[in-house]
């Protein structure tokens, strides 16, 4: 999988660009980036941009569950940007991050997603 992580302490934002298949190693990288930000601020926002995304490897579910349990009260908002078929992903993530406000934006609404994630 190709995953790019952009951390901004000033904006309290973790921007994640993901494509192909999310792996266990990708979740570990995401967890490390989340941890680094949360040592500098009480809560963060996550902007997840999906490009040609195909879901998760089965082995990655354990890492996803651990990360959601550890950080769900400290992730204030999460915006997911992707194709219409990615809306199923949003439903899965929203279930994992029950204390997080989660919203889906179609690919052509990236700027609206950025505005929404930064307004709170």
C-alpha atoms as a PDB file:
ATOM      1  CA  UNK A   1       0.000   0.000   0.000  1.00  0.00           C
ATOM      2  CA  UNK A   2       1.009   3.537  -0.501  1.00  0.00           C
ATOM      3  CA  UNK A   3       0.363   5.668   2.540  1.00  0.00           C
ATOM      4  CA  UNK A   4       1.534   9.226   3.061  1.00  0.00           C
ATOM      5  CA  UNK A   5       1.138  10.912   6.449  1.00  0.00           C
ATOM      6  CA  UNK A   6       1.276  14.680   6.928  1.00  0.00           C
ATOM      7  CA  UNK A   7       1.347  15.861  10.545  1.00  0.00           C
ATOM      8  CA  UNK A   8       0.442  19.419  11.565  1.00  0.00           C
ATOM      9  CA  UNK A   9       0.704  20.309  15.241  1.00  0.00           C
ATOM     10  CA  UNK A  10      -0.514  23.864  14.556  1.00  0.00           C
ATOM     11  CA  UNK A  11      -3.752  22.626  12.986  1.00  0.00           C
ATOM     12  CA  UNK A  12      -3.974  19.569  15.263  1.00  0.00           C
ATOM     13  CA  UNK A  13      -4.365  17.608  12.038  1.00  0.00           C
ATOM     14  CA  UNK A  14      -3.168  14.288  10.687  1.00  0.00           C
ATOM     15  CA  UNK A  15      -3.668  14.058   6.932  1.00  0.00           C
ATOM     16  CA  UNK A  16      -3.575  10.520   5.560  1.00  0.00           C
ATOM     17  CA  UNK A  17      -3.333   9.744   1.837  1.00  0.00           C
ATOM     18  CA  UNK A  18      -4.089   6.064   1.270  1.00  0.00           C
ATOM     19  CA  UNK A  19      -4.328   3.913  -1.832  1.00  0.00           C
ATOM     20  CA  UNK A  20      -4.605   0.216  -2.670  1.00  0.00           C
ATOM     21  CA  UNK A  21      -4.847  -2.051   0.401  1.00  0.00           C
ATOM     22  CA  UNK A  22      -4.251  -0.918   4.008  1.00  0.00           C
ATOM     23  CA  UNK A  23      -1.784  -3.241   5.731  1.00  0.00           C
ATOM     24  CA  UNK A  24      -0.800  -3.988   9.309  1.00  0.00           C
ATOM     25  CA  UNK A  25       2.396  -1.974   8.768  1.00  0.00           C
ATOM     26  CA  UNK A  26       0.344   0.996   7.517  1.00  0.00           C
ATOM     27  CA  UNK A  27      -1.669   0.957  10.755  1.00  0.00           C
ATOM     28  CA  UNK A  28       1.525   0.862  12.777  1.00  0.00           C
ATOM     29  CA  UNK A  29       2.808   3.925  10.887  1.00  0.00           C
ATOM     30  CA  UNK A  30      -0.539   5.655  11.410  1.00  0.00           C
ATOM     31  CA  UNK A  31      -0.441   4.810  15.121  1.00  0.00           C
ATOM     32  CA  UNK A  32       3.076   6.222  15.454  1.00  0.00           C
ATOM     33  CA  UNK A  33       2.079   9.462  13.730  1.00  0.00           C
ATOM     34  CA  UNK A  34      -1.031   9.740  15.913  1.00  0.00           C
ATOM     35  CA  UNK A  35       1.049   9.172  19.034  1.00  0.00           C
ATOM     36  CA  UNK A  36       3.570  11.854  18.016  1.00  0.00           C
ATOM     37  CA  UNK A  37       0.810  14.423  17.506  1.00  0.00           C
ATOM     38  CA  UNK A  38      -0.982  13.512  20.710  1.00  0.00           C
ATOM     39  CA  UNK A  39       2.175  14.079  22.758  1.00  0.00           C
ATOM     40  CA  UNK A  40       1.934  17.714  21.628  1.00  0.00           C
ATOM     41  CA  UNK A  41      -1.818  18.337  21.772  1.00  0.00           C
ATOM     42  CA  UNK A  42      -4.803  16.935  23.651  1.00  0.00           C
ATOM     43  CA  UNK A  43      -6.875  15.985  20.601  1.00  0.00           C
ATOM     44  CA  UNK A  44      -6.498  15.837  16.830  1.00  0.00           C
ATOM     45  CA  UNK A  45      -8.484  15.797  13.618  1.00  0.00           C
ATOM     46  CA  UNK A  46      -7.913  13.262  10.836  1.00  0.00           C
ATOM     47  CA  UNK A  47      -8.352  13.907   7.116  1.00  0.00           C
ATOM     48  CA  UNK A  48      -8.329  10.580   5.264  1.00  0.00           C
ATOM     49  CA  UNK A  49      -7.973  10.869   1.489  1.00  0.00           C
ATOM     50  CA  UNK A  50      -8.612   7.590  -0.338  1.00  0.00           C
ATOM     51  CA  UNK A  51      -7.282   7.183  -3.861  1.00  0.00           C
ATOM     52  CA  UNK A  52      -7.943   3.858  -5.626  1.00  0.00           C
ATOM     53  CA  UNK A  53      -8.570   2.321  -2.191  1.00  0.00           C
ATOM     54  CA  UNK A  54      -9.433  -1.382  -1.899  1.00  0.00           C
ATOM     55  CA  UNK A  55      -9.894  -1.878   1.856  1.00  0.00           C
ATOM     56  CA  UNK A  56      -7.822  -3.671   4.490  1.00  0.00           C
ATOM     57  CA  UNK A  57      -5.720  -6.778   4.676  1.00  0.00           C
ATOM     58  CA  UNK A  58      -7.276  -9.171   7.189  1.00  0.00           C
ATOM     59  CA  UNK A  59      -4.121  -9.065   9.350  1.00  0.00           C
ATOM     60  CA  UNK A  60      -4.551  -5.307   9.787  1.00  0.00           C
ATOM     61  CA  UNK A  61      -7.877  -5.558  11.664  1.00  0.00           C
ATOM     62  CA  UNK A  62      -6.114  -6.222  14.977  1.00  0.00           C
ATOM     63  CA  UNK A  63      -3.992  -3.070  14.581  1.00  0.00           C
ATOM     64  CA  UNK A  64      -7.068  -1.034  13.594  1.00  0.00           C
ATOM     65  CA  UNK A  65      -8.943  -2.229  16.658  1.00  0.00           C
ATOM     66  CA  UNK A  66      -6.056  -1.440  19.007  1.00  0.00           C
ATOM     67  CA  UNK A  67      -5.663   2.018  17.521  1.00  0.00           C
ATOM     68  CA  UNK A  68      -9.376   2.818  17.731  1.00  0.00           C
ATOM     69  CA  UNK A  69      -9.535   1.680  21.360  1.00  0.00           C
ATOM     70  CA  UNK A  70      -6.474   3.706  22.331  1.00  0.00           C
ATOM     71  CA  UNK A  71      -7.253   6.993  20.560  1.00  0.00           C
ATOM     72  CA  UNK A  72     -10.998   7.191  19.917  1.00  0.00           C
ATOM     73  CA  UNK A  73     -11.613   9.747  22.673  1.00  0.00           C
ATOM     74  CA  UNK A  74      -8.757  11.936  21.428  1.00  0.00           C
ATOM     75  CA  UNK A  75      -9.696  12.103  17.735  1.00  0.00           C
ATOM     76  CA  UNK A  76     -12.110  15.011  17.596  1.00  0.00           C
ATOM     77  CA  UNK A  77     -13.176  14.816  13.946  1.00  0.00           C
ATOM     78  CA  UNK A  78     -12.514  12.609  10.960  1.00  0.00           C
ATOM     79  CA  UNK A  79     -13.235  13.473   7.331  1.00  0.00           C
ATOM     80  CA  UNK A  80     -12.985  10.783   4.668  1.00  0.00           C
ATOM     81  CA  UNK A  81     -12.612  11.812   1.026  1.00  0.00           C
ATOM     82  CA  UNK A  82     -13.055   9.161  -1.626  1.00  0.00           C
ATOM     83  CA  UNK A  83     -15.199   7.564  -4.277  1.00  0.00           C
ATOM     84  CA  UNK A  84     -18.865   6.882  -3.623  1.00  0.00           C
ATOM     85  CA  UNK A  85     -17.992   3.222  -3.019  1.00  0.00           C
ATOM     86  CA  UNK A  86     -15.811   4.371  -0.098  1.00  0.00           C
ATOM     87  CA  UNK A  87     -18.908   5.275   1.899  1.00  0.00           C
ATOM     88  CA  UNK A  88     -18.981   1.717   3.236  1.00  0.00           C
ATOM     89  CA  UNK A  89     -15.570   2.419   4.739  1.00  0.00           C
ATOM     90  CA  UNK A  90     -17.029   5.417   6.529  1.00  0.00           C
ATOM     91  CA  UNK A  91     -19.701   3.259   8.154  1.00  0.00           C
ATOM     92  CA  UNK A  92     -17.027   0.836   9.391  1.00  0.00           C
ATOM     93  CA  UNK A  93     -14.817   3.619  10.718  1.00  0.00           C
ATOM     94  CA  UNK A  94     -17.679   5.444  12.374  1.00  0.00           C
ATOM     95  CA  UNK A  95     -18.486   2.273  14.295  1.00  0.00           C
ATOM     96  CA  UNK A  96     -14.866   1.999  15.511  1.00  0.00           C
ATOM     97  CA  UNK A  97     -14.553   5.675  16.425  1.00  0.00           C
ATOM     98  CA  UNK A  98     -17.848   6.065  18.288  1.00  0.00           C
ATOM     99  CA  UNK A  99     -16.753   9.247  20.089  1.00  0.00           C
ATOM    100  CA  UNK A 100     -15.547  10.912  16.908  1.00  0.00           C
ATOM    101  CA  UNK A 101     -17.578  13.048  14.532  1.00  0.00           C
ATOM    102  CA  UNK A 102     -17.081  11.361  11.138  1.00  0.00           C
ATOM    103  CA  UNK A 103     -18.169  12.665   7.741  1.00  0.00           C
ATOM    104  CA  UNK A 104     -17.741  11.451   4.154  1.00  0.00           C
ATOM    105  CA  UNK A 105     -16.977  13.713   1.184  1.00  0.00           C
ATOM    106  CA  UNK A 106     -16.914  12.650  -2.488  1.00  0.00           C
ATOM    107  CA  UNK A 107     -13.568  12.999  -4.256  1.00  0.00           C
ATOM    108  CA  UNK A 108     -14.535  16.279  -5.918  1.00  0.00           C
ATOM    109  CA  UNK A 109     -15.212  17.888  -2.515  1.00  0.00           C
ATOM    110  CA  UNK A 110     -11.701  17.803  -1.033  1.00  0.00           C
ATOM    111  CA  UNK A 111     -11.708  21.543  -0.289  1.00  0.00           C
ATOM    112  CA  UNK A 112     -15.065  21.256   1.510  1.00  0.00           C
ATOM    113  CA  UNK A 113     -13.629  18.400   3.576  1.00  0.00           C
ATOM    114  CA  UNK A 114     -10.616  20.525   4.504  1.00  0.00           C
ATOM    115  CA  UNK A 115     -12.883  23.415   5.516  1.00  0.00           C
ATOM    116  CA  UNK A 116     -15.118  21.117   7.622  1.00  0.00           C
ATOM    117  CA  UNK A 117     -12.223  19.378   9.387  1.00  0.00           C
ATOM    118  CA  UNK A 118     -10.629  22.708  10.320  1.00  0.00           C
ATOM    119  CA  UNK A 119     -13.749  24.568  11.469  1.00  0.00           C
ATOM    120  CA  UNK A 120     -14.135  22.834  14.810  1.00  0.00           C
END
